[in-house]
Amino acid sequence: MIGFLIAGLIIGALARLITPGKQHLSILATLLLGLVGSLIGGTIAWALGTGSIWELNVLGFVLAVIAAVLLIGVAEGIAASRRRSVH
């Protein structure tokens, strides 16, 4: 479980570095989106037959980072629209 949290943090940090522009997400939000990205990437890799969802493999890692980048982009878009509607 601790390894899963660390992997989620690493994946969230990588996704945050890859995502263009300045992000206004907290480190907790980055961790949570990294964890969700890990689950999504692991599930897709498992569905493609690369191993268990809990195993660390290259395809699962790449898919997890891609999923986290997309999630961070969506979260930033939602946060930006809320900031605009408040002002």
PDB file of N, CA and C in Angstrom:
ATOM      1  N   MET A   1       0.821  -1.196   0.000  1.00  0.00           N
ATOM      2  CA  MET A   1       0.000   0.000   0.000  1.00  0.00           C
ATOM      3  C   MET A   1       0.869   1.265   0.000  1.00  0.00           C
ATOM      4  N   ILE A   2       1.940   1.278   0.770  1.00  0.00           N
ATOM      5  CA  ILE A   2       2.832   2.436   0.799  1.00  0.00           C
ATOM      6  C   ILE A   2       3.506   2.606  -0.562  1.00  0.00           C
ATOM      7  N   GLY A   3       3.890   1.487  -1.180  1.00  0.00           N
ATOM      8  CA  GLY A   3       4.476   1.544  -2.519  1.00  0.00           C
ATOM      9  C   GLY A   3       3.505   2.118  -3.532  1.00  0.00           C
ATOM     10  N   PHE A   4       2.222   1.786  -3.391  1.00  0.00           N
ATOM     11  CA  PHE A   4       1.195   2.307  -4.284  1.00  0.00           C
ATOM     12  C   PHE A   4       1.067   3.818  -4.113  1.00  0.00           C
ATOM     13  N   LEU A   5       1.127   4.305  -2.865  1.00  0.00           N
ATOM     14  CA  LEU A   5       1.056   5.745  -2.613  1.00  0.00           C
ATOM     15  C   LEU A   5       2.273   6.464  -3.180  1.00  0.00           C
ATOM     16  N   ILE A   6       3.444   5.869  -3.009  1.00  0.00           N
ATOM     17  CA  ILE A   6       4.664   6.481  -3.543  1.00  0.00           C
ATOM     18  C   ILE A   6       4.619   6.502  -5.070  1.00  0.00           C
ATOM     19  N   ALA A   7       4.174   5.409  -5.673  1.00  0.00           N
ATOM     20  CA  ALA A   7       4.049   5.365  -7.141  1.00  0.00           C
ATOM     21  C   ALA A   7       3.052   6.419  -7.620  1.00  0.00           C
ATOM     22  N   GLY A   8       1.944   6.585  -6.908  1.00  0.00           N
ATOM     23  CA  GLY A   8       0.960   7.603  -7.270  1.00  0.00           C
ATOM     24  C   GLY A   8       1.526   9.003  -7.182  1.00  0.00           C
ATOM     25  N   LEU A   9       2.344   9.249  -6.164  1.00  0.00           N
ATOM     26  CA  LEU A   9       2.967  10.554  -6.022  1.00  0.00           C
ATOM     27  C   LEU A   9       3.959  10.810  -7.155  1.00  0.00           C
ATOM     28  N   ILE A  10       4.749   9.805  -7.494  1.00  0.00           N
ATOM     29  CA  ILE A  10       5.716   9.937  -8.588  1.00  0.00           C
ATOM     30  C   ILE A  10       4.989  10.157  -9.911  1.00  0.00           C
ATOM     31  N   ILE A  11       3.957   9.375 -10.157  1.00  0.00           N
ATOM     32  CA  ILE A  11       3.193   9.507 -11.398  1.00  0.00           C
ATOM     33  C   ILE A  11       2.504  10.871 -11.449  1.00  0.00           C
ATOM     34  N   GLY A  12       1.936  11.325 -10.332  1.00  0.00           N
ATOM     35  CA  GLY A  12       1.317  12.652 -10.286  1.00  0.00           C
ATOM     36  C   GLY A  12       2.327  13.752 -10.536  1.00  0.00           C
ATOM     37  N   ALA A  13       3.526  13.619  -9.946  1.00  0.00           N
ATOM     38  CA  ALA A  13       4.576  14.634 -10.151  1.00  0.00           C
ATOM     39  C   ALA A  13       5.043  14.654 -11.600  1.00  0.00           C
ATOM     40  N   LEU A  14       5.235  13.477 -12.190  1.00  0.00           N
ATOM     41  CA  LEU A  14       5.626  13.417 -13.605  1.00  0.00           C
ATOM     42  C   LEU A  14       4.549  14.030 -14.493  1.00  0.00           C
ATOM     43  N   ALA A  15       3.304  13.710 -14.203  1.00  0.00           N
ATOM     44  CA  ALA A  15       2.205  14.254 -14.996  1.00  0.00           C
ATOM     45  C   ALA A  15       2.140  15.767 -14.861  1.00  0.00           C
ATOM     46  N   ARG A  16       2.413  16.249 -13.652  1.00  0.00           N
ATOM     47  CA  ARG A  16       2.396  17.699 -13.434  1.00  0.00           C
ATOM     48  C   ARG A  16       3.522  18.385 -14.197  1.00  0.00           C
ATOM     49  N   LEU A  17       4.681  17.734 -14.270  1.00  0.00           N
ATOM     50  CA  LEU A  17       5.799  18.287 -15.033  1.00  0.00           C
ATOM     51  C   LEU A  17       5.518  18.289 -16.532  1.00  0.00           C
ATOM     52  N   ILE A  18       4.818  17.271 -17.009  1.00  0.00           N
ATOM     53  CA  ILE A  18       4.529  17.139 -18.442  1.00  0.00           C
ATOM     54  C   ILE A  18       3.425  18.101 -18.869  1.00  0.00           C
ATOM     55  N   THR A  19       2.459  18.337 -17.989  1.00  0.00           N
ATOM     56  CA  THR A  19       1.327  19.190 -18.322  1.00  0.00           C
ATOM     57  C   THR A  19       1.813  20.624 -18.545  1.00  0.00           C
ATOM     58  N   PRO A  20       1.492  21.208 -19.706  1.00  0.00           N
ATOM     59  CA  PRO A  20       1.971  22.568 -19.983  1.00  0.00           C
ATOM     60  C   PRO A  20       1.265  23.612 -19.129  1.00  0.00           C
ATOM     61  N   GLY A  21       1.946  24.709 -18.921  1.00  0.00           N
ATOM     62  CA  GLY A  21       1.368  25.817 -18.175  1.00  0.00           C
ATOM     63  C   GLY A  21       1.534  25.648 -16.671  1.00  0.00           C
ATOM     64  N   LYS A  22       1.082  26.669 -15.951  1.00  0.00           N
ATOM     65  CA  LYS A  22       1.180  26.646 -14.492  1.00  0.00           C
ATOM     66  C   LYS A  22      -0.059  25.978 -13.911  1.00  0.00           C
ATOM     67  N   GLN A  23       0.173  25.061 -13.001  1.00  0.00           N
ATOM     68  CA  GLN A  23      -0.941  24.381 -12.338  1.00  0.00           C
ATOM     69  C   GLN A  23      -1.157  24.987 -10.959  1.00  0.00           C
ATOM     70  N   HIS A  24      -2.395  25.033 -10.559  1.00  0.00           N
ATOM     71  CA  HIS A  24      -2.763  25.583  -9.262  1.00  0.00           C
ATOM     72  C   HIS A  24      -3.272  24.502  -8.324  1.00  0.00           C
ATOM     73  N   LEU A  25      -2.938  23.243  -8.617  1.00  0.00           N
ATOM     74  CA  LEU A  25      -3.387  22.133  -7.782  1.00  0.00           C
ATOM     75  C   LEU A  25      -2.458  21.972  -6.586  1.00  0.00           C
ATOM     76  N   SER A  26      -3.034  21.543  -5.477  1.00  0.00           N
ATOM     77  CA  SER A  26      -2.224  21.276  -4.298  1.00  0.00           C
ATOM     78  C   SER A  26      -1.467  19.957  -4.479  1.00  0.00           C
ATOM     79  N   ILE A  27      -0.511  19.709  -3.595  1.00  0.00           N
ATOM     80  CA  ILE A  27       0.243  18.467  -3.656  1.00  0.00           C
ATOM     81  C   ILE A  27      -0.676  17.285  -3.363  1.00  0.00           C
ATOM     82  N   LEU A  28      -1.681  17.484  -2.512  1.00  0.00           N
ATOM     83  CA  LEU A  28      -2.640  16.422  -2.214  1.00  0.00           C
ATOM     84  C   LEU A  28      -3.472  16.083  -3.446  1.00  0.00           C
ATOM     85  N   ALA A  29      -3.902  17.110  -4.173  1.00  0.00           N
ATOM     86  CA  ALA A  29      -4.664  16.872  -5.402  1.00  0.00           C
ATOM     87  C   ALA A  29      -3.794  16.162  -6.431  1.00  0.00           C
ATOM     88  N   THR A  30      -2.518  16.544  -6.508  1.00  0.00           N
ATOM     89  CA  THR A  30      -1.591  15.877  -7.428  1.00  0.00           C
ATOM     90  C   THR A  30      -1.437  14.411  -7.058  1.00  0.00           C
ATOM     91  N   LEU A  31      -1.301  14.120  -5.763  1.00  0.00           N
ATOM     92  CA  LEU A  31      -1.181  12.744  -5.291  1.00  0.00           C
ATOM     93  C   LEU A  31      -2.430  11.947  -5.639  1.00  0.00           C
ATOM     94  N   LEU A  32      -3.590  12.509  -5.365  1.00  0.00           N
ATOM     95  CA  LEU A  32      -4.836  11.795  -5.645  1.00  0.00           C
ATOM     96  C   LEU A  32      -5.022  11.542  -7.142  1.00  0.00           C
ATOM     97  N   LEU A  33      -4.716  12.531  -7.971  1.00  0.00           N
ATOM     98  CA  LEU A  33      -4.836  12.336  -9.413  1.00  0.00           C
ATOM     99  C   LEU A  33      -3.801  11.336  -9.915  1.00  0.00           C
ATOM    100  N   GLY A  34      -2.616  11.325  -9.305  1.00  0.00           N
ATOM    101  CA  GLY A  34      -1.614  10.319  -9.640  1.00  0.00           C
ATOM    102  C   GLY A  34      -2.080   8.928  -9.277  1.00  0.00           C
ATOM    103  N   LEU A  35      -2.732   8.782  -8.123  1.00  0.00           N
ATOM    104  CA  LEU A  35      -3.264   7.478  -7.710  1.00  0.00           C
ATOM    105  C   LEU A  35      -4.369   7.007  -8.656  1.00  0.00           C
ATOM    106  N   VAL A  36      -5.253   7.923  -9.013  1.00  0.00           N
ATOM    107  CA  VAL A  36      -6.332   7.562  -9.947  1.00  0.00           C
ATOM    108  C   VAL A  36      -5.739   7.211 -11.312  1.00  0.00           C
ATOM    109  N   GLY A  37      -4.737   7.981 -11.745  1.00  0.00           N
ATOM    110  CA  GLY A  37      -4.055   7.666 -12.999  1.00  0.00           C
ATOM    111  C   GLY A  37      -3.385   6.300 -12.947  1.00  0.00           C
ATOM    112  N   SER A  38      -2.816   5.955 -11.777  1.00  0.00           N
ATOM    113  CA  SER A  38      -2.201   4.637 -11.605  1.00  0.00           C
ATOM    114  C   SER A  38      -3.232   3.530 -11.760  1.00  0.00           C
ATOM    115  N   LEU A  39      -4.381   3.729 -11.152  1.00  0.00           N
ATOM    116  CA  LEU A  39      -5.441   2.726 -11.277  1.00  0.00           C
ATOM    117  C   LEU A  39      -5.922   2.589 -12.716  1.00  0.00           C
ATOM    118  N   ILE A  40      -6.112   3.707 -13.378  1.00  0.00           N
ATOM    119  CA  ILE A  40      -6.568   3.673 -14.768  1.00  0.00           C
ATOM    120  C   ILE A  40      -5.519   3.010 -15.664  1.00  0.00           C
ATOM    121  N   GLY A  41      -4.268   3.448 -15.541  1.00  0.00           N
ATOM    122  CA  GLY A  41      -3.197   2.865 -16.354  1.00  0.00           C
ATOM    123  C   GLY A  41      -3.004   1.385 -16.077  1.00  0.00           C
ATOM    124  N   GLY A  42      -3.037   0.997 -14.799  1.00  0.00           N
ATOM    125  CA  GLY A  42      -2.904  -0.411 -14.440  1.00  0.00           C
ATOM    126  C   GLY A  42      -4.051  -1.255 -14.954  1.00  0.00           C
ATOM    127  N   THR A  43      -5.247  -0.704 -14.909  1.00  0.00           N
ATOM    128  CA  THR A  43      -6.420  -1.432 -15.402  1.00  0.00           C
ATOM    129  C   THR A  43      -6.343  -1.638 -16.914  1.00  0.00           C
ATOM    130  N   ILE A  44      -5.955  -0.602 -17.631  1.00  0.00           N
ATOM    131  CA  ILE A  44      -5.831  -0.734 -19.091  1.00  0.00           C
ATOM    132  C   ILE A  44      -4.724  -1.717 -19.444  1.00  0.00           C
ATOM    133  N   ALA A  45      -3.581  -1.634 -18.755  1.00  0.00           N
ATOM    134  CA  ALA A  45      -2.478  -2.570 -19.015  1.00  0.00           C
ATOM    135  C   ALA A  45      -2.899  -3.995 -18.691  1.00  0.00           C
ATOM    136  N   TRP A  46      -3.626  -4.183 -17.591  1.00  0.00           N
ATOM    137  CA  TRP A  46      -4.121  -5.516 -17.224  1.00  0.00           C
ATOM    138  C   TRP A  46      -5.081  -6.039 -18.297  1.00  0.00           C
ATOM    139  N   ALA A  47      -5.964  -5.155 -18.808  1.00  0.00           N
ATOM    140  CA  ALA A  47      -6.913  -5.560 -19.847  1.00  0.00           C
ATOM    141  C   ALA A  47      -6.186  -5.960 -21.131  1.00  0.00           C
ATOM    142  N   LEU A  48      -5.009  -5.373 -21.364  1.00  0.00           N
ATOM    143  CA  LEU A  48      -4.210  -5.725 -22.541  1.00  0.00           C
ATOM    144  C   LEU A  48      -3.349  -6.971 -22.301  1.00  0.00           C
ATOM    145  N   GLY A  49      -3.402  -7.501 -21.077  1.00  0.00           N
ATOM    146  CA  GLY A  49      -2.716  -8.753 -20.785  1.00  0.00           C
ATOM    147  C   GLY A  49      -1.264  -8.624 -20.379  1.00  0.00           C
ATOM    148  N   THR A  50      -0.862  -7.487 -19.800  1.00  0.00           N
ATOM    149  CA  THR A  50       0.542  -7.321 -19.419  1.00  0.00           C
ATOM    150  C   THR A  50       0.835  -7.770 -17.995  1.00  0.00           C
ATOM    151  N   GLY A  51      -0.156  -8.183 -17.262  1.00  0.00           N
ATOM    152  CA  GLY A  51       0.054  -8.632 -15.886  1.00  0.00           C
ATOM    153  C   GLY A  51      -1.004  -8.069 -14.967  1.00  0.00           C
ATOM    154  N   SER A  52      -0.795  -8.238 -13.686  1.00  0.00           N
ATOM    155  CA  SER A  52      -1.731  -7.781 -12.670  1.00  0.00           C
ATOM    156  C   SER A  52      -1.765  -6.252 -12.617  1.00  0.00           C
ATOM    157  N   ILE A  53      -2.888  -5.731 -12.184  1.00  0.00           N
ATOM    158  CA  ILE A  53      -3.033  -4.280 -12.051  1.00  0.00           C
ATOM    159  C   ILE A  53      -2.052  -3.731 -11.022  1.00  0.00           C
ATOM    160  N   TRP A  54      -1.633  -4.536 -10.047  1.00  0.00           N
ATOM    161  CA  TRP A  54      -0.763  -4.083  -8.970  1.00  0.00           C
ATOM    162  C   TRP A  54       0.712  -4.253  -9.292  1.00  0.00           C
ATOM    163  N   GLU A  55       1.032  -4.876 -10.425  1.00  0.00           N
ATOM    164  CA  GLU A  55       2.425  -5.036 -10.823  1.00  0.00           C
ATOM    165  C   GLU A  55       2.911  -3.780 -11.532  1.00  0.00           C
ATOM    166  N   LEU A  56       4.158  -3.453 -11.293  1.00  0.00           N
ATOM    167  CA  LEU A  56       4.744  -2.313 -11.987  1.00  0.00           C
ATOM    168  C   LEU A  56       5.344  -2.811 -13.298  1.00  0.00           C
ATOM    169  N   ASN A  57       4.813  -2.327 -14.408  1.00  0.00           N
ATOM    170  CA  ASN A  57       5.370  -2.656 -15.714  1.00  0.00           C
ATOM    171  C   ASN A  57       5.406  -1.391 -16.563  1.00  0.00           C
ATOM    172  N   VAL A  58       6.172  -1.449 -17.615  1.00  0.00           N
ATOM    173  CA  VAL A  58       6.415  -0.246 -18.422  1.00  0.00           C
ATOM    174  C   VAL A  58       5.127   0.282 -19.041  1.00  0.00           C
ATOM    175  N   LEU A  59       4.344  -0.590 -19.651  1.00  0.00           N
ATOM    176  CA  LEU A  59       3.114  -0.145 -20.292  1.00  0.00           C
ATOM    177  C   LEU A  59       2.153   0.466 -19.270  1.00  0.00           C
ATOM    178  N   GLY A  60       2.003  -0.181 -18.125  1.00  0.00           N
ATOM    179  CA  GLY A  60       1.127   0.344 -17.083  1.00  0.00           C
ATOM    180  C   GLY A  60       1.587   1.697 -16.586  1.00  0.00           C
ATOM    181  N   PHE A  61       2.908   1.865 -16.436  1.00  0.00           N
ATOM    182  CA  PHE A  61       3.461   3.133 -15.970  1.00  0.00           C
ATOM    183  C   PHE A  61       3.209   4.239 -16.982  1.00  0.00           C
ATOM    184  N   VAL A  62       3.470   3.950 -18.242  1.00  0.00           N
ATOM    185  CA  VAL A  62       3.253   4.959 -19.299  1.00  0.00           C
ATOM    186  C   VAL A  62       1.777   5.325 -19.382  1.00  0.00           C
ATOM    187  N   LEU A  63       0.907   4.335 -19.343  1.00  0.00           N
ATOM    188  CA  LEU A  63      -0.529   4.617 -19.390  1.00  0.00           C
ATOM    189  C   LEU A  63      -0.988   5.375 -18.160  1.00  0.00           C
ATOM    190  N   ALA A  64      -0.397   5.076 -16.998  1.00  0.00           N
ATOM    191  CA  ALA A  64      -0.744   5.791 -15.772  1.00  0.00           C
ATOM    192  C   ALA A  64      -0.349   7.261 -15.866  1.00  0.00           C
ATOM    193  N   VAL A  65       0.820   7.536 -16.409  1.00  0.00           N
ATOM    194  CA  VAL A  65       1.262   8.929 -16.562  1.00  0.00           C
ATOM    195  C   VAL A  65       0.351   9.663 -17.543  1.00  0.00           C
ATOM    196  N   ILE A  66       0.006   9.012 -18.644  1.00  0.00           N
ATOM    197  CA  ILE A  66      -0.896   9.637 -19.624  1.00  0.00           C
ATOM    198  C   ILE A  66      -2.255   9.927 -18.994  1.00  0.00           C
ATOM    199  N   ALA A  67      -2.783   8.956 -18.252  1.00  0.00           N
ATOM    200  CA  ALA A  67      -4.077   9.155 -17.588  1.00  0.00           C
ATOM    201  C   ALA A  67      -3.992  10.287 -16.575  1.00  0.00           C
ATOM    202  N   ALA A  68      -2.903  10.355 -15.821  1.00  0.00           N
ATOM    203  CA  ALA A  68      -2.750  11.422 -14.826  1.00  0.00           C
ATOM    204  C   ALA A  68      -2.625  12.788 -15.494  1.00  0.00           C
ATOM    205  N   VAL A  69      -1.918  12.868 -16.623  1.00  0.00           N
ATOM    206  CA  VAL A  69      -1.815  14.136 -17.360  1.00  0.00           C
ATOM    207  C   VAL A  69      -3.207  14.591 -17.795  1.00  0.00           C
ATOM    208  N   LEU A  70      -3.990  13.675 -18.311  1.00  0.00           N
ATOM    209  CA  LEU A  70      -5.351  14.022 -18.733  1.00  0.00           C
ATOM    210  C   LEU A  70      -6.195  14.456 -17.540  1.00  0.00           C
ATOM    211  N   LEU A  71      -6.071  13.741 -16.417  1.00  0.00           N
ATOM    212  CA  LEU A  71      -6.834  14.099 -15.226  1.00  0.00           C
ATOM    213  C   LEU A  71      -6.432  15.469 -14.689  1.00  0.00           C
ATOM    214  N   ILE A  72      -5.136  15.758 -14.682  1.00  0.00           N
ATOM    215  CA  ILE A  72      -4.672  17.068 -14.218  1.00  0.00           C
ATOM    216  C   ILE A  72      -5.187  18.163 -15.148  1.00  0.00           C
ATOM    217  N   GLY A  73      -5.183  17.907 -16.444  1.00  0.00           N
ATOM    218  CA  GLY A  73      -5.722  18.881 -17.395  1.00  0.00           C
ATOM    219  C   GLY A  73      -7.193  19.155 -17.157  1.00  0.00           C
ATOM    220  N   VAL A  74      -7.957  18.109 -16.913  1.00  0.00           N
ATOM    221  CA  VAL A  74      -9.389  18.272 -16.638  1.00  0.00           C
ATOM    222  C   VAL A  74      -9.601  19.020 -15.322  1.00  0.00           C
ATOM    223  N   ALA A  75      -8.843  18.642 -14.289  1.00  0.00           N
ATOM    224  CA  ALA A  75      -8.974  19.303 -12.985  1.00  0.00           C
ATOM    225  C   ALA A  75      -8.602  20.784 -13.085  1.00  0.00           C
ATOM    226  N   GLU A  76      -7.556  21.096 -13.818  1.00  0.00           N
ATOM    227  CA  GLU A  76      -7.156  22.491 -14.011  1.00  0.00           C
ATOM    228  C   GLU A  76      -8.234  23.256 -14.777  1.00  0.00           C
ATOM    229  N   GLY A  77      -8.821  22.626 -15.786  1.00  0.00           N
ATOM    230  CA  GLY A  77      -9.895  23.268 -16.547  1.00  0.00           C
ATOM    231  C   GLY A  77     -11.105  23.566 -15.682  1.00  0.00           C
ATOM    232  N   ILE A  78     -11.465  22.637 -14.823  1.00  0.00           N
ATOM    233  CA  ILE A  78     -12.598  22.841 -13.914  1.00  0.00           C
ATOM    234  C   ILE A  78     -12.279  23.944 -12.914  1.00  0.00           C
ATOM    235  N   ALA A  79     -11.074  23.902 -12.353  1.00  0.00           N
ATOM    236  CA  ALA A  79     -10.679  24.927 -11.378  1.00  0.00           C
ATOM    237  C   ALA A  79     -10.633  26.309 -12.025  1.00  0.00           C
ATOM    238  N   ALA A  80     -10.136  26.394 -13.260  1.00  0.00           N
ATOM    239  CA  ALA A  80     -10.064  27.682 -13.958  1.00  0.00           C
ATOM    240  C   ALA A  80     -11.460  28.232 -14.230  1.00  0.00           C
ATOM    241  N   SER A  81     -12.398  27.375 -14.620  1.00  0.00           N
ATOM    242  CA  SER A  81     -13.751  27.853 -14.893  1.00  0.00           C
ATOM    243  C   SER A  81     -14.426  28.318 -13.602  1.00  0.00           C
ATOM    244  N   ARG A  82     -14.115  27.664 -12.496  1.00  0.00           N
ATOM    245  CA  ARG A  82     -14.678  28.113 -11.216  1.00  0.00           C
ATOM    246  C   ARG A  82     -14.084  29.447 -10.797  1.00  0.00           C
ATOM    247  N   ARG A  83     -12.777  29.632 -11.037  1.00  0.00           N
ATOM    248  CA  ARG A  83     -12.134  30.892 -10.682  1.00  0.00           C
ATOM    249  C   ARG A  83     -12.730  32.035 -11.516  1.00  0.00           C
ATOM    250  N   ARG A  84     -12.988  31.766 -12.794  1.00  0.00           N
ATOM    251  CA  ARG A  84     -13.549  32.800 -13.664  1.00  0.00           C
ATOM    252  C   ARG A  84     -14.973  33.154 -13.251  1.00  0.00           C
ATOM    253  N   SER A  85     -15.771  32.178 -12.834  1.00  0.00           N
ATOM    254  CA  SER A  85     -17.152  32.437 -12.479  1.00  0.00           C
ATOM    255  C   SER A  85     -17.268  33.174 -11.142  1.00  0.00           C
ATOM    256  N   VAL A  86     -16.265  33.042 -10.274  1.00  0.00           N
ATOM    257  CA  VAL A  86     -16.287  33.723  -8.986  1.00  0.00           C
ATOM    258  C   VAL A  86     -15.955  35.195  -9.166  1.00  0.00           C
ATOM    259  N   HIS A  87     -15.057  35.539 -10.082  1.00  0.00           N
ATOM    260  CA  HIS A  87     -14.617  36.917 -10.273  1.00  0.00           C
ATOM    261  C   HIS A  87     -15.593  37.661 -11.085  1.00  0.00           C
TER     262      HIS A  87
END
